Amino acid sequence: MKRLVHVALLGLVLLAGCAAPPTQDLRTASDMTDNDRRARLRLDLAAGYFARGQNSTALDEVKQALTARPDLAEGHSLRGLIYASMGEQQLAEQSFQRSLQLDPRSGDTMHNYGWYLCQLQRWDDAEQQFDRAVAQPQYREVARTLLAKGVCEARAGRLALADKTLTRSYEMDPGNPGTAFNLGEVLYKLGEFERARFYLRRVNAEQANANAQTLWLAARIENKLGNVAGVRSLGDQLQRRFPQSPEALAYDKGRFDG
């Protein structure tokens, strides 16, 4: 195998001497200007501040990134997320649209824009953005976008579509507890309790993944299936681990359908 690789590389070297130079080379780190580096640094700082909920500071860093590189599509996308978090809907929309003008194939921006539209209950517009993201050939976060799309469909009351979308996401990323929980919740609403039980058991099997919501949904599923012992076991865990949660209070009062 090493000999074959060596021969292949040698062939490339020999061909390189005869080939014409490329008209436009790929950009690498050595091509970055000072403005590129400054913009990237500011953008990284902005993302960190945004993740910590420091919206004003994050916005200031994004502004400085875009001063250095006005054509930085990622910067406009992040600015859209920040404005959305601040309730500035018009500015958020303008930022997402500008980002897509600069990079029409950015699946990440389409995902973010779709989730923003979902929060506004613009269901059809959101679905369009999610579908565009999934259709991008180089996009690597398809499972994540399908999860967001499925949650959005469920919020819109489109439960049958949400079932299909979340099932597809789960098949691509079966280790994601968020996908399993949301799929289980949709199936519960559809009355498919056995299927819902499967997914919630997968989530609650790992103590690190189980929380008040997952335990309570599992208890409600077991209640629908008439499993009294299962309900009691899950309710005991809920009261022991999350005694102050709304879910524990609902269990105490027997509000399984509330």
Protein backbone atom coordinates (compact mmCIF):
# COMPACT_ATOMS: atom_id res chain seq x y z
CA MET A 1 0.00 0.00 0.00
CA LYS A 2 2.83 2.43 0.87
CA ARG A 3 4.44 1.71 -2.52
CA LEU A 4 1.19 2.49 -4.35
CA VAL A 5 0.81 5.77 -2.48
CA HIS A 6 4.38 6.73 -3.32
CA VAL A 7 3.83 5.98 -7.02
CA ALA A 8 0.62 8.02 -7.02
CA LEU A 9 2.36 10.98 -5.43
CA LEU A 10 5.22 10.72 -7.88
CA GLY A 11 2.74 10.79 -10.73
CA LEU A 12 1.23 13.98 -9.36
CA VAL A 13 4.67 15.60 -9.14
CA LEU A 14 5.47 14.72 -12.74
CA LEU A 15 2.13 16.00 -13.97
CA ALA A 16 2.56 19.23 -12.05
CA GLY A 17 5.50 20.17 -14.20
CA CYS A 18 3.34 20.11 -17.32
CA ALA A 19 0.07 21.52 -16.03
CA ALA A 20 -0.83 25.20 -16.26
CA PRO A 21 -1.07 27.04 -12.92
CA PRO A 22 -4.58 27.28 -11.45
CA THR A 23 -6.42 30.47 -12.29
CA GLN A 24 -7.79 30.76 -8.73
CA ASP A 25 -6.23 28.92 -5.81
CA LEU A 26 -8.01 27.84 -2.64
CA ARG A 27 -7.61 30.18 0.32
CA THR A 28 -5.57 28.82 3.24
CA ALA A 29 -4.34 30.25 6.53
CA SER A 30 -1.34 31.85 4.84
CA ASP A 31 -3.68 33.92 2.67
CA MET A 32 -5.40 35.55 5.65
CA THR A 33 -4.92 39.28 5.97
CA ASP A 34 -4.68 41.17 9.24
CA ASN A 35 -8.33 42.13 8.81
CA ASP A 36 -9.26 38.47 8.33
CA ARG A 37 -7.52 37.52 11.58
CA ARG A 38 -9.02 40.45 13.45
CA ALA A 39 -12.50 39.59 12.23
CA ARG A 40 -12.11 35.92 13.17
CA LEU A 41 -10.88 36.78 16.65
CA ARG A 42 -13.77 39.18 17.26
CA LEU A 43 -16.26 36.67 15.93
CA ASP A 44 -14.97 33.95 18.25
CA LEU A 45 -15.24 36.33 21.18
CA ALA A 46 -18.76 37.29 20.15
CA ALA A 47 -19.83 33.65 20.01
CA GLY A 48 -18.47 33.08 23.51
CA TYR A 49 -20.26 36.08 24.96
CA PHE A 50 -23.49 35.12 23.21
CA ALA A 51 -23.31 31.59 24.61
CA ARG A 52 -23.08 33.12 28.11
CA GLY A 53 -26.09 35.36 27.51
CA GLN A 54 -24.05 38.58 27.33
CA ASN A 55 -25.88 39.91 24.29
CA SER A 56 -24.72 43.52 24.35
CA THR A 57 -21.05 42.57 24.59
CA ALA A 58 -21.50 39.91 21.92
CA LEU A 59 -23.13 42.44 19.62
CA ASP A 60 -20.28 44.87 20.12
CA GLU A 61 -17.73 42.19 19.20
CA VAL A 62 -19.72 41.24 16.08
CA LYS A 63 -19.81 44.88 15.02
CA GLN A 64 -16.03 45.05 15.29
CA ALA A 65 -15.70 41.81 13.32
CA LEU A 66 -17.86 43.23 10.55
CA THR A 67 -15.94 46.49 10.56
CA ALA A 68 -12.83 44.48 9.74
CA ARG A 69 -14.66 42.20 7.28
CA PRO A 70 -18.04 43.56 6.13
CA ASP A 71 -18.49 40.54 3.84
CA LEU A 72 -18.15 37.96 6.62
CA ALA A 73 -21.33 35.91 6.24
CA GLU A 74 -20.87 34.13 9.58
CA GLY A 75 -20.75 37.49 11.32
CA HIS A 76 -24.08 38.57 9.89
CA SER A 77 -25.61 35.21 10.86
CA LEU A 78 -24.40 35.50 14.44
CA ARG A 79 -25.62 39.08 14.56
CA GLY A 80 -29.02 37.78 13.51
CA LEU A 81 -29.05 35.33 16.42
CA ILE A 82 -28.07 38.07 18.85
CA TYR A 83 -30.73 40.46 17.60
CA ALA A 84 -33.31 37.67 17.76
CA SER A 85 -32.35 37.00 21.37
CA MET A 86 -32.77 40.71 22.09
CA GLY A 87 -36.23 40.80 20.49
CA GLU A 88 -35.07 42.98 17.59
CA GLN A 89 -37.00 41.15 14.90
CA GLN A 90 -36.45 43.47 11.96
CA LEU A 91 -32.71 43.71 12.57
CA ALA A 92 -32.48 39.94 13.03
CA GLU A 93 -34.25 39.29 9.75
CA GLN A 94 -32.05 41.76 7.89
CA SER A 95 -28.94 40.11 9.31
CA PHE A 96 -29.96 36.59 8.31
CA GLN A 97 -30.89 37.71 4.81
CA ARG A 98 -27.62 39.59 4.41
CA SER A 99 -25.70 36.51 5.52
CA LEU A 100 -27.44 34.40 2.87
CA GLN A 101 -26.76 37.04 0.22
CA LEU A 102 -23.06 36.73 1.00
CA ASP A 103 -23.10 32.93 1.26
CA PRO A 104 -26.21 31.44 -0.39
CA ARG A 105 -25.08 27.88 0.43
CA SER A 106 -24.61 28.29 4.18
CA GLY A 107 -26.59 25.50 5.81
CA ASP A 108 -25.75 26.89 9.24
CA THR A 109 -27.36 30.25 8.44
CA MET A 110 -30.40 28.55 6.95
CA HIS A 111 -30.72 26.48 10.13
CA ASN A 112 -30.46 29.54 12.36
CA TYR A 113 -32.84 31.55 10.21
CA GLY A 114 -35.32 28.68 10.18
CA TRP A 115 -35.28 28.38 13.96
CA TYR A 116 -35.77 32.13 14.28
CA LEU A 117 -38.79 31.97 11.95
CA CYS A 118 -40.16 29.08 13.98
CA GLN A 119 -40.12 31.24 17.12
CA LEU A 120 -42.27 33.73 15.22
CA GLN A 121 -44.67 30.91 14.26
CA ARG A 122 -43.96 31.48 10.60
CA TRP A 123 -44.20 27.75 10.10
CA ASP A 124 -44.01 27.53 6.30
CA ASP A 125 -41.10 29.98 6.04
CA ALA A 126 -39.23 28.09 8.75
CA GLU A 127 -39.76 24.76 7.01
CA GLN A 128 -38.45 26.21 3.77
CA GLN A 129 -35.20 27.27 5.43
CA PHE A 130 -34.76 23.92 7.17
CA ASP A 131 -35.33 22.07 3.88
CA ARG A 132 -32.83 24.32 2.11
CA ALA A 133 -30.22 23.60 4.77
CA VAL A 134 -30.71 19.83 4.55
CA ALA A 135 -30.43 19.99 0.75
CA GLN A 136 -26.95 21.58 0.81
CA PRO A 137 -24.45 18.96 -0.46
CA GLN A 138 -21.64 19.86 1.96
CA TYR A 139 -23.84 20.44 5.03
CA ARG A 140 -22.80 18.16 7.90
CA GLU A 141 -25.45 19.01 10.49
CA VAL A 142 -28.45 17.42 8.81
CA ALA A 143 -29.53 15.51 11.94
CA ARG A 144 -29.46 18.72 13.99
CA THR A 145 -31.56 20.58 11.43
CA LEU A 146 -34.05 17.72 11.18
CA LEU A 147 -34.40 17.85 14.96
CA ALA A 148 -35.14 21.58 14.82
CA LYS A 149 -37.56 21.08 11.94
CA GLY A 150 -39.37 18.27 13.80
CA VAL A 151 -39.72 20.34 16.96
CA CYS A 152 -41.06 23.22 14.88
CA GLU A 153 -43.56 20.96 13.14
CA ALA A 154 -44.74 19.68 16.51
CA ARG A 155 -45.24 23.25 17.75
CA ALA A 156 -47.29 23.94 14.65
CA GLY A 157 -49.49 20.94 15.44
CA ARG A 158 -48.21 19.00 12.43
CA LEU A 159 -47.62 15.87 14.48
CA ALA A 160 -47.58 13.31 11.67
CA LEU A 161 -44.90 15.30 9.86
CA ALA A 162 -42.98 15.79 13.11
CA ASP A 163 -43.00 12.02 13.65
CA LYS A 164 -41.41 11.40 10.24
CA THR A 165 -38.87 14.21 10.58
CA LEU A 166 -37.76 13.30 14.10
CA THR A 167 -37.59 9.59 13.23
CA ARG A 168 -35.26 10.45 10.37
CA SER A 169 -33.14 12.59 12.68
CA TYR A 170 -33.00 9.79 15.25
CA GLU A 171 -31.89 7.28 12.62
CA MET A 172 -29.01 9.58 11.73
CA ASP A 173 -28.05 10.34 15.34
CA PRO A 174 -29.52 7.74 17.74
CA GLY A 175 -27.32 8.92 20.59
CA ASN A 176 -28.95 12.34 20.84
CA PRO A 177 -31.24 12.35 23.92
CA GLY A 178 -32.96 15.54 22.76
CA THR A 179 -34.12 13.83 19.59
CA ALA A 180 -35.35 10.77 21.47
CA PHE A 181 -37.25 12.91 23.99
CA ASN A 182 -38.94 15.10 21.39
CA LEU A 183 -39.86 12.09 19.28
CA GLY A 184 -41.30 10.37 22.35
CA GLU A 185 -43.35 13.45 23.16
CA VAL A 186 -44.77 13.59 19.64
CA LEU A 187 -45.64 9.90 19.75
CA TYR A 188 -47.34 10.38 23.11
CA LYS A 189 -49.54 13.08 21.59
CA LEU A 190 -50.30 10.76 18.67
CA GLY A 191 -51.36 8.02 21.07
CA GLU A 192 -48.52 5.70 20.02
CA PHE A 193 -47.55 4.85 23.57
CA GLU A 194 -45.49 1.71 22.92
CA ARG A 195 -43.26 3.53 20.47
CA ALA A 196 -43.00 6.49 22.83
CA ARG A 197 -41.98 4.13 25.65
CA PHE A 198 -39.07 2.82 23.57
CA TYR A 199 -37.52 6.25 23.10
CA LEU A 200 -38.04 7.45 26.67
CA ARG A 201 -36.51 4.31 28.06
CA ARG A 202 -33.44 4.98 25.94
CA VAL A 203 -33.18 8.49 27.36
CA ASN A 204 -33.77 7.61 31.02
CA ALA A 205 -31.41 4.62 30.90
CA GLU A 206 -28.55 7.11 31.22
CA GLN A 207 -28.84 8.99 34.49
CA ALA A 208 -26.93 11.93 33.04
CA ASN A 209 -29.64 12.35 30.38
CA ALA A 210 -32.65 11.93 32.65
CA ASN A 211 -34.29 15.07 34.02
CA ALA A 212 -37.66 16.09 35.39
CA GLN A 213 -39.18 16.36 31.92
CA THR A 214 -37.97 12.98 30.68
CA LEU A 215 -39.01 11.16 33.87
CA TRP A 216 -42.42 12.80 33.88
CA LEU A 217 -43.10 12.02 30.23
CA ALA A 218 -42.06 8.43 30.84
CA ALA A 219 -44.42 8.24 33.83
CA ARG A 220 -47.28 9.61 31.73
CA ILE A 221 -46.58 7.01 29.05
CA GLU A 222 -46.62 4.19 31.60
CA ASN A 223 -49.85 5.57 33.01
CA LYS A 224 -51.44 5.36 29.55
CA LEU A 225 -50.23 1.78 29.23
CA GLY A 226 -51.67 0.86 32.63
CA ASN A 227 -48.30 0.05 34.18
CA VAL A 228 -48.92 1.08 37.80
CA ALA A 229 -45.57 -0.18 39.06
CA GLY A 230 -43.72 1.66 36.30
CA VAL A 231 -45.54 4.90 37.11
CA ARG A 232 -44.66 4.56 40.79
CA SER A 233 -41.00 3.83 40.06
CA LEU A 234 -40.64 6.84 37.78
CA GLY A 235 -42.61 9.04 40.15
CA ASP A 236 -40.32 8.06 43.03
CA GLN A 237 -37.28 9.03 40.96
CA LEU A 238 -38.91 12.30 40.03
CA GLN A 239 -39.70 13.21 43.64
CA ARG A 240 -36.30 12.15 44.90
CA ARG A 241 -34.16 13.86 42.28
CA PHE A 242 -36.28 16.88 41.35
CA PRO A 243 -38.60 17.49 44.32
CA GLN A 244 -39.20 21.20 43.53
CA SER A 245 -39.93 20.76 39.85
CA PRO A 246 -43.37 21.47 38.30
CA GLU A 247 -43.32 17.88 37.06
CA ALA A 248 -42.96 16.51 40.59
CA LEU A 249 -45.86 18.70 41.71
CA ALA A 250 -48.00 17.43 38.82
CA TYR A 251 -47.17 13.86 39.80
CA ASP A 252 -48.11 14.54 43.44
CA LYS A 253 -51.52 15.79 42.29
CA GLY A 254 -52.03 13.03 39.74
CA ARG A 255 -52.25 15.44 36.80
CA PHE A 256 -51.11 12.97 34.18
CA ASP A 257 -53.11 14.58 31.38
CA GLY A 258 -52.66 18.19 32.47
